[in-house]
Amino acid sequence: MELTQHPVNLRQQYRQQLSLLVLAAAVVVTGLVVAWLAFQKSPSAALSANGQATLVSEAQLQRFAGSLDHPVYWVGPKAGYSYELTSSHGRVWVRYLPTGVRAGDHRASFLVVGTYALPGAFAGLQRVAKRPTAVSRSIADGGLMVYDAERPTSIYFSYPGVKYQVEVYAPSSEEGRSLILDGKVKPVR
């Protein structure tokens, strides 16, 4: 006895296979779009994974800053400089390198603005301000600026109610202080 399949069953099988094929293609395309968007969100896949210093454009820095739940501070664009971005465990550093200097240069002769995710940052600075060698000053918007007189090139500031602290390192302590007091250290926008 020979079995034959009814033409209606063949059409049903064909439709099921075609539906599965379309569904598989949609899943693959969706995965590729998600991967592309994730890659576009950060300036470098390596940056978010291992905290290596990476030269970035202003647009890349803006995209990166927009991906975090706290602001990233800098002193704005500077002609003749590249922006080195390093990020690790809630800490972000933007270092200004003269054109031609490579990312990761070990010299401590460049302006750096660090933003650190830190609950209780303002209260912590208030405690530090009470130390014998601490120098503190009120800044705009109710903020507090603090540095150690014995190490005046690293200057810190924060504001009441925020969960981050900012550090400005400048080879010249006067430069670092004036950048903060003049309101030039601002969030990347």
N, C-alpha and C. Protein backbone atom coordinates (compact mmCIF):
# COMPACT_ATOMS: atom_id res chain seq x y z
N MET A 1 0.83 -1.15 0.00
CA MET A 1 0.00 0.00 0.00
C MET A 1 0.89 1.24 0.00
N GLU A 2 0.63 2.14 -0.86
CA GLU A 2 1.42 3.35 -1.02
C GLU A 2 0.71 4.51 -0.36
N LEU A 3 1.48 5.27 0.45
CA LEU A 3 0.90 6.43 1.14
C LEU A 3 1.21 7.68 0.33
N THR A 4 0.25 8.51 0.15
CA THR A 4 0.47 9.79 -0.52
C THR A 4 0.03 10.90 0.43
N GLN A 5 0.73 12.00 0.34
CA GLN A 5 0.41 13.12 1.21
C GLN A 5 -0.55 14.05 0.48
N HIS A 6 -1.46 14.53 1.20
CA HIS A 6 -2.47 15.42 0.66
C HIS A 6 -1.84 16.78 0.36
N PRO A 7 -2.16 17.47 -0.76
CA PRO A 7 -1.56 18.76 -1.11
C PRO A 7 -1.78 19.83 -0.05
N VAL A 8 -2.88 19.76 0.71
CA VAL A 8 -3.13 20.75 1.75
C VAL A 8 -2.08 20.63 2.85
N ASN A 9 -1.67 19.41 3.21
CA ASN A 9 -0.64 19.19 4.24
C ASN A 9 0.70 19.73 3.79
N LEU A 10 1.02 19.57 2.51
CA LEU A 10 2.29 20.10 1.99
C LEU A 10 2.31 21.62 2.07
N ARG A 11 1.22 22.27 1.75
CA ARG A 11 1.16 23.73 1.85
C ARG A 11 1.32 24.18 3.30
N GLN A 12 0.71 23.44 4.22
CA GLN A 12 0.83 23.79 5.64
C GLN A 12 2.27 23.67 6.11
N GLN A 13 2.96 22.60 5.73
CA GLN A 13 4.36 22.41 6.09
C GLN A 13 5.23 23.53 5.50
N TYR A 14 4.97 23.86 4.24
CA TYR A 14 5.72 24.92 3.59
C TYR A 14 5.54 26.24 4.33
N ARG A 15 4.33 26.57 4.71
CA ARG A 15 4.06 27.81 5.44
C ARG A 15 4.76 27.82 6.80
N GLN A 16 4.74 26.68 7.50
CA GLN A 16 5.39 26.61 8.80
C GLN A 16 6.91 26.81 8.67
N GLN A 17 7.49 26.16 7.66
CA GLN A 17 8.93 26.30 7.44
C GLN A 17 9.29 27.74 7.06
N LEU A 18 8.47 28.33 6.21
CA LEU A 18 8.71 29.71 5.81
C LEU A 18 8.59 30.64 7.01
N SER A 19 7.60 30.41 7.86
CA SER A 19 7.42 31.24 9.07
C SER A 19 8.62 31.12 9.99
N LEU A 20 9.13 29.90 10.17
CA LEU A 20 10.31 29.70 11.02
C LEU A 20 11.54 30.39 10.43
N LEU A 21 11.68 30.32 9.11
CA LEU A 21 12.80 30.96 8.45
C LEU A 21 12.74 32.49 8.62
N VAL A 22 11.57 33.08 8.46
CA VAL A 22 11.39 34.52 8.64
C VAL A 22 11.67 34.90 10.10
N LEU A 23 11.19 34.11 11.04
CA LEU A 23 11.43 34.39 12.46
C LEU A 23 12.93 34.34 12.78
N ALA A 24 13.63 33.34 12.26
CA ALA A 24 15.08 33.22 12.49
C ALA A 24 15.82 34.43 11.91
N ALA A 25 15.43 34.86 10.72
CA ALA A 25 16.06 36.03 10.11
C ALA A 25 15.82 37.28 10.94
N ALA A 26 14.60 37.42 11.47
CA ALA A 26 14.27 38.59 12.31
C ALA A 26 15.11 38.59 13.58
N VAL A 27 15.33 37.43 14.18
CA VAL A 27 16.14 37.32 15.39
C VAL A 27 17.59 37.72 15.09
N VAL A 28 18.13 37.25 13.97
CA VAL A 28 19.50 37.58 13.60
C VAL A 28 19.64 39.08 13.36
N VAL A 29 18.71 39.68 12.61
CA VAL A 29 18.77 41.10 12.32
C VAL A 29 18.66 41.91 13.61
N THR A 30 17.75 41.52 14.51
CA THR A 30 17.61 42.22 15.79
C THR A 30 18.90 42.15 16.59
N GLY A 31 19.53 40.99 16.62
CA GLY A 31 20.81 40.84 17.33
C GLY A 31 21.90 41.73 16.76
N LEU A 32 21.96 41.82 15.44
CA LEU A 32 22.95 42.69 14.81
C LEU A 32 22.70 44.16 15.12
N VAL A 33 21.44 44.58 15.12
CA VAL A 33 21.10 45.97 15.44
C VAL A 33 21.47 46.29 16.89
N VAL A 34 21.14 45.38 17.81
CA VAL A 34 21.47 45.60 19.22
C VAL A 34 22.99 45.69 19.41
N ALA A 35 23.73 44.81 18.75
CA ALA A 35 25.20 44.84 18.86
C ALA A 35 25.76 46.14 18.29
N TRP A 36 25.23 46.59 17.16
CA TRP A 36 25.70 47.83 16.56
C TRP A 36 25.42 49.01 17.49
N LEU A 37 24.22 49.07 18.08
CA LEU A 37 23.88 50.16 18.99
C LEU A 37 24.78 50.15 20.22
N ALA A 38 25.05 48.97 20.75
CA ALA A 38 25.92 48.87 21.93
C ALA A 38 27.33 49.36 21.60
N PHE A 39 27.81 49.01 20.43
CA PHE A 39 29.15 49.46 20.03
C PHE A 39 29.18 50.97 19.84
N GLN A 40 28.12 51.55 19.27
CA GLN A 40 28.06 52.98 19.03
C GLN A 40 27.97 53.78 20.31
N LYS A 41 27.47 53.18 21.39
CA LYS A 41 27.25 53.91 22.64
C LYS A 41 28.57 54.30 23.30
N SER A 42 29.59 53.47 23.19
CA SER A 42 30.86 53.80 23.83
C SER A 42 31.93 54.03 22.78
N PRO A 43 32.91 54.88 23.07
CA PRO A 43 33.93 55.20 22.10
C PRO A 43 34.80 54.00 21.76
N SER A 44 34.88 53.05 22.65
CA SER A 44 35.72 51.90 22.41
C SER A 44 35.22 50.73 23.24
N ALA A 45 35.08 49.60 22.60
CA ALA A 45 34.65 48.42 23.35
C ALA A 45 35.68 48.10 24.44
N ALA A 46 36.95 48.31 24.13
CA ALA A 46 38.00 48.03 25.11
C ALA A 46 37.94 48.99 26.28
N LEU A 47 37.53 50.22 26.03
CA LEU A 47 37.48 51.23 27.10
C LEU A 47 36.61 50.77 28.24
N SER A 48 35.41 50.34 27.95
CA SER A 48 34.50 49.96 29.02
C SER A 48 34.90 48.63 29.65
N ALA A 49 35.61 47.81 28.90
CA ALA A 49 35.96 46.50 29.41
C ALA A 49 37.19 46.50 30.30
N ASN A 50 38.23 47.25 29.92
CA ASN A 50 39.47 47.12 30.67
C ASN A 50 40.07 48.42 31.17
N GLY A 51 39.42 49.54 30.97
CA GLY A 51 39.89 50.80 31.51
C GLY A 51 41.14 51.35 30.89
N GLN A 52 41.46 50.96 29.66
CA GLN A 52 42.65 51.49 29.02
C GLN A 52 42.40 52.90 28.50
N ALA A 53 43.44 53.71 28.55
CA ALA A 53 43.35 55.06 28.02
C ALA A 53 43.15 55.02 26.52
N THR A 54 42.19 55.84 26.03
CA THR A 54 41.85 55.87 24.62
C THR A 54 41.67 57.31 24.18
N LEU A 55 42.25 57.67 23.05
CA LEU A 55 42.02 59.00 22.50
C LEU A 55 40.64 59.01 21.87
N VAL A 56 39.84 60.02 22.19
CA VAL A 56 38.47 60.11 21.69
C VAL A 56 38.21 61.51 21.15
N SER A 57 37.22 61.58 20.29
CA SER A 57 36.77 62.88 19.80
C SER A 57 35.80 63.48 20.80
N GLU A 58 35.46 64.73 20.60
CA GLU A 58 34.48 65.37 21.48
C GLU A 58 33.14 64.64 21.40
N ALA A 59 32.73 64.24 20.19
CA ALA A 59 31.45 63.52 20.02
C ALA A 59 31.48 62.18 20.74
N GLN A 60 32.59 61.47 20.68
CA GLN A 60 32.69 60.19 21.39
C GLN A 60 32.64 60.40 22.90
N LEU A 61 33.29 61.45 23.36
CA LEU A 61 33.26 61.77 24.79
C LEU A 61 31.82 62.08 25.22
N GLN A 62 31.10 62.82 24.42
CA GLN A 62 29.71 63.15 24.74
C GLN A 62 28.85 61.89 24.79
N ARG A 63 29.02 60.99 23.83
CA ARG A 63 28.25 59.73 23.83
C ARG A 63 28.57 58.91 25.07
N PHE A 64 29.86 58.83 25.40
CA PHE A 64 30.26 58.07 26.57
C PHE A 64 29.64 58.66 27.83
N ALA A 65 29.76 59.98 27.99
CA ALA A 65 29.21 60.64 29.18
C ALA A 65 27.71 60.42 29.28
N GLY A 66 27.02 60.42 28.15
CA GLY A 66 25.58 60.20 28.14
C GLY A 66 25.17 58.80 28.53
N SER A 67 26.11 57.87 28.50
CA SER A 67 25.79 56.48 28.84
C SER A 67 25.89 56.21 30.35
N LEU A 68 26.36 57.17 31.12
CA LEU A 68 26.56 56.98 32.56
C LEU A 68 25.41 57.57 33.36
N ASP A 69 25.31 57.16 34.62
CA ASP A 69 24.25 57.68 35.49
C ASP A 69 24.73 58.86 36.35
N HIS A 70 25.89 59.39 36.04
CA HIS A 70 26.39 60.61 36.69
C HIS A 70 27.14 61.41 35.63
N PRO A 71 27.29 62.70 35.85
CA PRO A 71 27.99 63.51 34.84
C PRO A 71 29.47 63.18 34.76
N VAL A 72 30.07 63.53 33.65
CA VAL A 72 31.51 63.47 33.46
C VAL A 72 31.96 64.91 33.25
N TYR A 73 32.93 65.34 34.04
CA TYR A 73 33.39 66.73 33.97
C TYR A 73 34.62 66.86 33.09
N TRP A 74 34.78 68.05 32.52
CA TRP A 74 35.95 68.43 31.74
C TRP A 74 36.03 69.95 31.71
N VAL A 75 37.01 70.51 31.03
CA VAL A 75 37.11 71.97 30.94
C VAL A 75 36.72 72.46 29.55
N GLY A 76 36.06 71.64 28.79
CA GLY A 76 35.61 72.02 27.45
C GLY A 76 36.69 71.78 26.41
N PRO A 77 36.34 72.07 25.17
CA PRO A 77 37.32 71.84 24.09
C PRO A 77 38.50 72.80 24.18
N LYS A 78 39.67 72.30 23.84
CA LYS A 78 40.88 73.12 23.82
C LYS A 78 41.60 72.88 22.50
N ALA A 79 41.80 73.95 21.75
CA ALA A 79 42.49 73.84 20.46
C ALA A 79 43.90 73.31 20.67
N GLY A 80 44.33 72.42 19.78
CA GLY A 80 45.67 71.87 19.85
C GLY A 80 45.83 70.71 20.83
N TYR A 81 44.71 70.23 21.36
CA TYR A 81 44.75 69.13 22.33
C TYR A 81 43.86 67.98 21.89
N SER A 82 44.26 66.77 22.29
CA SER A 82 43.45 65.56 22.13
C SER A 82 42.87 65.23 23.49
N TYR A 83 41.79 64.44 23.48
CA TYR A 83 41.14 64.04 24.73
C TYR A 83 41.41 62.56 24.95
N GLU A 84 42.07 62.29 26.07
CA GLU A 84 42.31 60.91 26.45
C GLU A 84 41.26 60.54 27.49
N LEU A 85 40.53 59.48 27.24
CA LEU A 85 39.47 59.03 28.13
C LEU A 85 39.85 57.70 28.74
N THR A 86 39.72 57.63 30.06
CA THR A 86 39.95 56.38 30.78
C THR A 86 38.79 56.21 31.76
N SER A 87 38.27 55.01 31.84
CA SER A 87 37.14 54.75 32.73
C SER A 87 37.33 53.40 33.40
N SER A 88 37.09 53.37 34.70
CA SER A 88 37.23 52.11 35.44
C SER A 88 36.45 52.20 36.75
N HIS A 89 35.52 51.28 36.95
CA HIS A 89 34.81 51.13 38.22
C HIS A 89 34.19 52.45 38.73
N GLY A 90 33.46 53.16 37.88
CA GLY A 90 32.79 54.38 38.31
C GLY A 90 33.69 55.61 38.35
N ARG A 91 34.91 55.46 37.88
CA ARG A 91 35.84 56.59 37.83
C ARG A 91 36.14 56.89 36.37
N VAL A 92 36.10 58.18 36.03
CA VAL A 92 36.34 58.60 34.64
C VAL A 92 37.35 59.72 34.65
N TRP A 93 38.35 59.62 33.79
CA TRP A 93 39.37 60.65 33.67
C TRP A 93 39.39 61.18 32.24
N VAL A 94 39.38 62.49 32.10
CA VAL A 94 39.57 63.14 30.81
C VAL A 94 40.89 63.89 30.92
N ARG A 95 41.85 63.47 30.10
CA ARG A 95 43.18 64.09 30.14
C ARG A 95 43.41 64.84 28.83
N TYR A 96 43.94 66.03 28.95
CA TYR A 96 44.22 66.87 27.79
C TYR A 96 45.66 66.66 27.35
N LEU A 97 45.81 66.07 26.17
CA LEU A 97 47.14 65.80 25.65
C LEU A 97 47.43 66.70 24.46
N PRO A 98 48.59 67.35 24.45
CA PRO A 98 48.93 68.15 23.26
C PRO A 98 48.96 67.24 22.03
N THR A 99 48.60 67.80 20.88
CA THR A 99 48.60 67.03 19.64
C THR A 99 49.95 66.33 19.48
N GLY A 100 49.90 65.07 19.13
CA GLY A 100 51.11 64.28 18.93
C GLY A 100 51.50 63.42 20.12
N VAL A 101 50.94 63.69 21.29
CA VAL A 101 51.22 62.86 22.47
C VAL A 101 50.27 61.66 22.43
N ARG A 102 50.81 60.49 22.65
CA ARG A 102 50.01 59.26 22.57
C ARG A 102 49.24 58.98 23.86
N ALA A 103 48.11 58.30 23.71
CA ALA A 103 47.34 57.86 24.87
C ALA A 103 48.22 56.99 25.76
N GLY A 104 48.09 57.17 27.06
CA GLY A 104 48.86 56.36 28.00
C GLY A 104 50.22 56.94 28.34
N ASP A 105 50.57 58.10 27.81
CA ASP A 105 51.85 58.74 28.13
C ASP A 105 51.95 58.85 29.66
N HIS A 106 53.09 58.47 30.21
CA HIS A 106 53.23 58.38 31.66
C HIS A 106 53.61 59.69 32.35
N ARG A 107 53.86 60.73 31.59
CA ARG A 107 54.24 62.00 32.21
C ARG A 107 53.05 62.60 32.97
N ALA A 108 53.34 63.23 34.08
CA ALA A 108 52.30 63.87 34.90
C ALA A 108 52.25 65.37 34.64
N SER A 109 52.47 65.75 33.40
CA SER A 109 52.54 67.18 33.08
C SER A 109 51.34 67.65 32.26
N PHE A 110 50.22 66.95 32.38
CA PHE A 110 49.04 67.29 31.59
C PHE A 110 47.84 67.52 32.51
N LEU A 111 46.95 68.39 32.08
CA LEU A 111 45.71 68.65 32.80
C LEU A 111 44.82 67.41 32.75
N VAL A 112 44.27 67.02 33.91
CA VAL A 112 43.37 65.87 34.00
C VAL A 112 42.16 66.28 34.84
N VAL A 113 40.97 65.91 34.36
CA VAL A 113 39.76 66.11 35.14
C VAL A 113 39.16 64.74 35.39
N GLY A 114 39.05 64.37 36.67
CA GLY A 114 38.49 63.08 37.05
C GLY A 114 37.12 63.25 37.68
N THR A 115 36.21 62.37 37.33
CA THR A 115 34.89 62.37 37.95
C THR A 115 34.71 60.99 38.56
N TYR A 116 34.37 60.95 39.86
CA TYR A 116 34.30 59.69 40.59
C TYR A 116 32.92 59.48 41.17
N ALA A 117 32.26 58.41 40.79
CA ALA A 117 30.98 58.05 41.40
C ALA A 117 31.26 57.76 42.87
N LEU A 118 30.60 58.49 43.75
CA LEU A 118 30.93 58.37 45.17
C LEU A 118 29.77 58.85 46.03
N PRO A 119 28.98 57.94 46.54
CA PRO A 119 27.90 58.36 47.45
C PRO A 119 28.51 59.09 48.66
N GLY A 120 27.87 60.14 49.09
CA GLY A 120 28.37 60.89 50.25
C GLY A 120 29.60 61.72 49.94
N ALA A 121 29.81 62.07 48.67
CA ALA A 121 31.01 62.81 48.28
C ALA A 121 31.14 64.14 48.99
N PHE A 122 30.05 64.88 49.09
CA PHE A 122 30.11 66.22 49.71
C PHE A 122 30.46 66.11 51.19
N ALA A 123 29.81 65.20 51.90
CA ALA A 123 30.10 65.00 53.33
C ALA A 123 31.56 64.57 53.52
N GLY A 124 32.05 63.74 52.62
CA GLY A 124 33.44 63.31 52.69
C GLY A 124 34.40 64.48 52.54
N LEU A 125 34.10 65.38 51.60
CA LEU A 125 34.95 66.56 51.43
C LEU A 125 34.89 67.48 52.65
N GLN A 126 33.71 67.58 53.25
CA GLN A 126 33.59 68.39 54.46
C GLN A 126 34.49 67.85 55.56
N ARG A 127 34.58 66.53 55.69
CA ARG A 127 35.46 65.92 56.69
C ARG A 127 36.93 66.20 56.36
N VAL A 128 37.28 66.03 55.08
CA VAL A 128 38.66 66.27 54.65
C VAL A 128 39.05 67.73 54.89
N ALA A 129 38.12 68.64 54.70
CA ALA A 129 38.39 70.08 54.87
C ALA A 129 38.81 70.42 56.30
N LYS A 130 38.53 69.56 57.25
CA LYS A 130 38.88 69.81 58.66
C LYS A 130 40.31 69.37 59.00
N ARG A 131 40.98 68.71 58.09
CA ARG A 131 42.35 68.27 58.37
C ARG A 131 43.28 69.47 58.45
N PRO A 132 44.37 69.36 59.22
CA PRO A 132 45.26 70.50 59.43
C PRO A 132 45.89 71.08 58.16
N THR A 133 46.20 70.25 57.17
CA THR A 133 46.84 70.78 55.96
C THR A 133 45.84 71.07 54.84
N ALA A 134 44.56 70.90 55.11
CA ALA A 134 43.54 71.12 54.08
C ALA A 134 43.26 72.61 53.89
N VAL A 135 43.03 72.96 52.65
CA VAL A 135 42.60 74.31 52.29
C VAL A 135 41.26 74.13 51.59
N SER A 136 40.25 74.87 52.04
CA SER A 136 38.92 74.72 51.44
C SER A 136 38.33 76.08 51.12
N ARG A 137 37.41 76.04 50.18
CA ARG A 137 36.73 77.25 49.77
C ARG A 137 35.37 76.90 49.20
N SER A 138 34.39 77.72 49.51
CA SER A 138 33.06 77.54 48.92
C SER A 138 33.12 77.94 47.46
N ILE A 139 32.37 77.20 46.63
CA ILE A 139 32.29 77.53 45.21
C ILE A 139 30.82 77.70 44.83
N ALA A 140 30.57 78.09 43.61
CA ALA A 140 29.21 78.35 43.13
C ALA A 140 28.29 77.16 43.38
N ASP A 141 27.02 77.46 43.47
CA ASP A 141 25.96 76.44 43.64
C ASP A 141 26.08 75.65 44.94
N GLY A 142 26.68 76.25 45.96
CA GLY A 142 26.78 75.60 47.27
C GLY A 142 27.85 74.53 47.35
N GLY A 143 28.74 74.50 46.37
CA GLY A 143 29.79 73.48 46.33
C GLY A 143 30.94 73.78 47.27
N LEU A 144 31.81 72.79 47.41
CA LEU A 144 32.99 72.90 48.27
C LEU A 144 34.20 72.42 47.49
N MET A 145 35.26 73.23 47.50
CA MET A 145 36.53 72.89 46.87
C MET A 145 37.54 72.65 47.98
N VAL A 146 38.31 71.56 47.89
CA VAL A 146 39.29 71.22 48.92
C VAL A 146 40.56 70.70 48.26
N TYR A 147 41.70 71.11 48.81
CA TYR A 147 42.97 70.53 48.40
C TYR A 147 43.90 70.51 49.59
N ASP A 148 44.94 69.71 49.50
CA ASP A 148 45.92 69.60 50.56
C ASP A 148 47.05 70.58 50.26
N ALA A 149 47.39 71.44 51.20
CA ALA A 149 48.44 72.46 50.99
C ALA A 149 49.78 71.81 50.65
N GLU A 150 49.99 70.57 51.08
CA GLU A 150 51.24 69.88 50.79
C GLU A 150 51.23 69.22 49.41
N ARG A 151 50.06 69.13 48.80
CA ARG A 151 49.91 68.54 47.46
C ARG A 151 48.84 69.34 46.70
N PRO A 152 49.13 70.58 46.38
CA PRO A 152 48.10 71.49 45.86
C PRO A 152 47.73 71.30 44.39
N THR A 153 48.37 70.35 43.72
CA THR A 153 48.06 70.17 42.29
C THR A 153 46.82 69.31 42.06
N SER A 154 46.34 68.61 43.07
CA SER A 154 45.10 67.85 42.99
C SER A 154 44.04 68.55 43.83
N ILE A 155 43.03 69.04 43.16
CA ILE A 155 41.98 69.84 43.83
C ILE A 155 40.66 69.12 43.61
N TYR A 156 39.90 68.98 44.68
CA TYR A 156 38.65 68.23 44.63
C TYR A 156 37.47 69.16 44.90
N PHE A 157 36.32 68.83 44.28
CA PHE A 157 35.11 69.56 44.63
C PHE A 157 33.90 68.67 44.45
N SER A 158 32.84 69.07 45.15
CA SER A 158 31.56 68.37 45.06
C SER A 158 30.46 69.33 45.50
N TYR A 159 29.23 68.85 45.36
CA TYR A 159 28.05 69.65 45.70
C TYR A 159 27.14 68.85 46.63
N PRO A 160 26.36 69.54 47.45
CA PRO A 160 25.42 68.82 48.33
C PRO A 160 24.44 67.99 47.49
N GLY A 161 24.19 66.78 47.96
CA GLY A 161 23.17 65.93 47.35
C GLY A 161 23.57 65.18 46.10
N VAL A 162 24.81 65.31 45.64
CA VAL A 162 25.23 64.55 44.46
C VAL A 162 26.03 63.32 44.88
N LYS A 163 26.12 62.36 43.98
CA LYS A 163 26.82 61.12 44.28
C LYS A 163 28.10 61.00 43.46
N TYR A 164 28.81 62.11 43.36
CA TYR A 164 30.07 62.11 42.64
C TYR A 164 30.97 63.22 43.18
N GLN A 165 32.25 63.06 42.92
CA GLN A 165 33.25 64.04 43.30
C GLN A 165 34.12 64.30 42.08
N VAL A 166 34.62 65.49 41.93
CA VAL A 166 35.45 65.85 40.78
C VAL A 166 36.84 66.22 41.28
N GLU A 167 37.84 65.77 40.55
CA GLU A 167 39.22 66.13 40.83
C GLU A 167 39.80 66.84 39.62
N VAL A 168 40.48 67.93 39.86
CA VAL A 168 41.22 68.60 38.79
C VAL A 168 42.69 68.50 39.16
N TYR A 169 43.45 67.84 38.30
CA TYR A 169 44.90 67.79 38.47
C TYR A 169 45.50 68.71 37.41
N ALA A 170 46.28 69.65 37.84
CA ALA A 170 46.99 70.53 36.92
C ALA A 170 48.42 70.67 37.41
N PRO A 171 49.38 70.63 36.51
CA PRO A 171 50.77 70.80 36.95
C PRO A 171 50.98 72.09 37.73
N SER A 172 50.15 73.10 37.46
CA SER A 172 50.19 74.35 38.21
C SER A 172 48.95 74.40 39.10
N SER A 173 49.17 74.48 40.42
CA SER A 173 48.02 74.51 41.33
C SER A 173 47.16 75.75 41.11
N GLU A 174 47.79 76.86 40.72
CA GLU A 174 47.01 78.07 40.45
C GLU A 174 46.06 77.86 39.28
N GLU A 175 46.53 77.17 38.25
CA GLU A 175 45.68 76.89 37.09
C GLU A 175 44.48 76.03 37.50
N GLY A 176 44.72 74.98 38.25
CA GLY A 176 43.64 74.11 38.69
C GLY A 176 42.60 74.85 39.51
N ARG A 177 43.05 75.64 40.47
CA ARG A 177 42.11 76.40 41.30
C ARG A 177 41.32 77.41 40.47
N SER A 178 41.99 78.12 39.57
CA SER A 178 41.28 79.13 38.79
C SER A 178 40.28 78.48 37.83
N LEU A 179 40.57 77.30 37.29
CA LEU A 179 39.60 76.61 36.44
C LEU A 179 38.31 76.32 37.20
N ILE A 180 38.47 75.90 38.46
CA ILE A 180 37.29 75.58 39.28
C ILE A 180 36.57 76.87 39.69
N LEU A 181 37.31 77.82 40.23
CA LEU A 181 36.69 79.06 40.72
C LEU A 181 36.05 79.89 39.61
N ASP A 182 36.58 79.81 38.39
CA ASP A 182 36.01 80.54 37.27
C ASP A 182 34.86 79.78 36.61
N GLY A 183 34.53 78.61 37.15
CA GLY A 183 33.40 77.84 36.61
C GLY A 183 33.67 77.18 35.27
N LYS A 184 34.94 76.92 34.97
CA LYS A 184 35.27 76.32 33.67
C LYS A 184 35.23 74.80 33.68
N VAL A 185 35.18 74.20 34.87
CA VAL A 185 35.09 72.75 34.97
C VAL A 185 33.60 72.42 35.00
N LYS A 186 33.12 71.83 33.92
CA LYS A 186 31.68 71.60 33.75
C LYS A 186 31.42 70.20 33.22
N PRO A 187 30.17 69.75 33.34
CA PRO A 187 29.83 68.45 32.76
C PRO A 187 29.93 68.48 31.24
N VAL A 188 30.36 67.36 30.69
CA VAL A 188 30.36 67.17 29.24
C VAL A 188 28.91 67.19 28.79
N ARG A 189 28.58 67.90 27.75
CA ARG A 189 27.20 67.95 27.24
C ARG A 189 27.14 67.49 25.82
